[in-house]
Amino acid sequence: MKEVMAIIRFNMMNVTSGHWLTPDLFINHAESNGRGKAAVDYFLIQGAETGHEEAAAQLSASPKLIPKRLITLVVPDDQVPNRD
């Protein structure tokens, strides 16, 4: 058995899990948060930490972490390709 973990967008949960519902597959999911590949503006964070109200307002306007789903699958060995 192999364990496969994936983090997907919250709104794609039903579409994604519909493809994995088979009798020989175990699936578990949990709520998670993340920001993906979005760049962090450290200059903006430094400005907010030093008390600049404009920088703090820009940081609070956009969410730092986006709701995601962590999916864990347990798959039989014969369904996992070898990566030799």
Protein backbone atom coordinates (compact mmCIF):
# COMPACT_ATOMS: atom_id res chain seq x y z
CA MET A 1 0.00 0.00 0.00
CA LYS A 2 1.14 3.53 -0.78
CA GLU A 3 0.03 6.79 0.81
CA VAL A 4 -0.60 9.74 -1.50
CA MET A 5 -1.22 13.23 -0.14
CA ALA A 6 -2.63 16.17 -2.10
CA ILE A 7 -3.68 19.70 -1.22
CA ILE A 8 -6.47 21.06 -3.39
CA ARG A 9 -8.64 24.16 -3.50
CA PHE A 10 -11.68 23.96 -1.26
CA ASN A 11 -14.12 24.44 -4.15
CA MET A 12 -12.65 21.47 -6.09
CA MET A 13 -13.31 18.88 -3.38
CA ASN A 14 -16.46 17.35 -4.92
CA VAL A 15 -15.02 17.23 -8.43
CA THR A 16 -11.76 15.67 -7.28
CA SER A 17 -13.10 13.10 -4.82
CA GLY A 18 -15.67 11.88 -7.35
CA HIS A 19 -12.83 10.39 -9.42
CA TRP A 20 -11.38 8.46 -6.49
CA LEU A 21 -14.41 6.62 -5.12
CA THR A 22 -13.54 2.98 -5.74
CA PRO A 23 -13.91 0.01 -3.35
CA ASP A 24 -10.17 -0.66 -3.02
CA LEU A 25 -9.19 2.93 -2.22
CA PHE A 26 -9.19 4.58 1.22
CA ILE A 27 -9.62 8.36 1.27
CA ASN A 28 -9.46 10.85 4.11
CA HIS A 29 -9.66 14.63 3.98
CA ALA A 30 -9.10 17.46 6.42
CA GLU A 31 -9.43 21.22 6.36
CA SER A 32 -6.22 23.05 5.66
CA ASN A 33 -5.02 26.57 4.88
CA GLY A 34 -2.36 27.75 2.48
CA ARG A 35 -1.35 30.40 0.02
CA GLY A 36 -0.09 28.34 -2.91
CA LYS A 37 2.68 29.89 -4.98
CA ALA A 38 1.72 33.50 -4.29
CA ALA A 39 4.69 35.71 -3.52
CA VAL A 40 5.04 37.26 -0.09
CA ASP A 41 5.73 40.98 -0.06
CA TYR A 42 8.21 41.20 2.82
CA PHE A 43 8.60 44.95 2.32
CA LEU A 44 4.89 45.33 3.06
CA ILE A 45 5.18 43.13 6.17
CA GLN A 46 8.14 45.19 7.44
CA GLY A 47 6.15 48.38 6.95
CA ALA A 48 3.22 46.98 8.91
CA GLU A 49 5.50 45.83 11.72
CA THR A 50 7.06 49.29 12.04
CA GLY A 51 3.62 50.90 12.38
CA HIS A 52 2.83 52.23 8.90
CA GLU A 53 -0.96 52.23 8.73
CA GLU A 54 -1.08 51.98 4.91
CA ALA A 55 0.98 48.79 4.88
CA ALA A 56 -1.13 47.26 7.66
CA ALA A 57 -4.32 48.11 5.76
CA GLN A 58 -3.04 46.42 2.61
CA LEU A 59 -2.11 43.28 4.54
CA SER A 60 -5.45 43.04 6.29
CA ALA A 61 -7.40 43.55 3.05
CA SER A 62 -6.17 40.33 1.48
CA PRO A 63 -6.27 36.97 3.24
CA LYS A 64 -2.87 35.54 4.11
CA LEU A 65 -4.08 31.95 4.00
CA ILE A 66 -6.70 30.50 1.68
CA PRO A 67 -8.98 27.59 2.69
CA LYS A 68 -7.78 24.30 1.16
CA ARG A 69 -8.35 20.57 1.62
CA LEU A 70 -5.67 18.05 2.49
CA ILE A 71 -6.56 14.69 0.93
CA THR A 72 -4.84 11.48 1.96
CA LEU A 73 -5.25 8.37 -0.20
CA VAL A 74 -4.11 4.84 0.53
CA VAL A 75 -3.63 3.04 -2.78
CA PRO A 76 -2.79 -0.62 -3.52
CA ASP A 77 0.75 -1.14 -4.79
CA ASP A 78 -0.39 -2.36 -8.21
CA GLN A 79 -2.11 1.00 -8.91
CA VAL A 80 1.04 3.06 -8.28
CA PRO A 81 3.57 3.36 -11.11
CA ASN A 82 7.19 2.55 -10.26
CA ARG A 83 9.63 5.49 -10.37
CA ASP A 84 12.94 3.72 -10.72
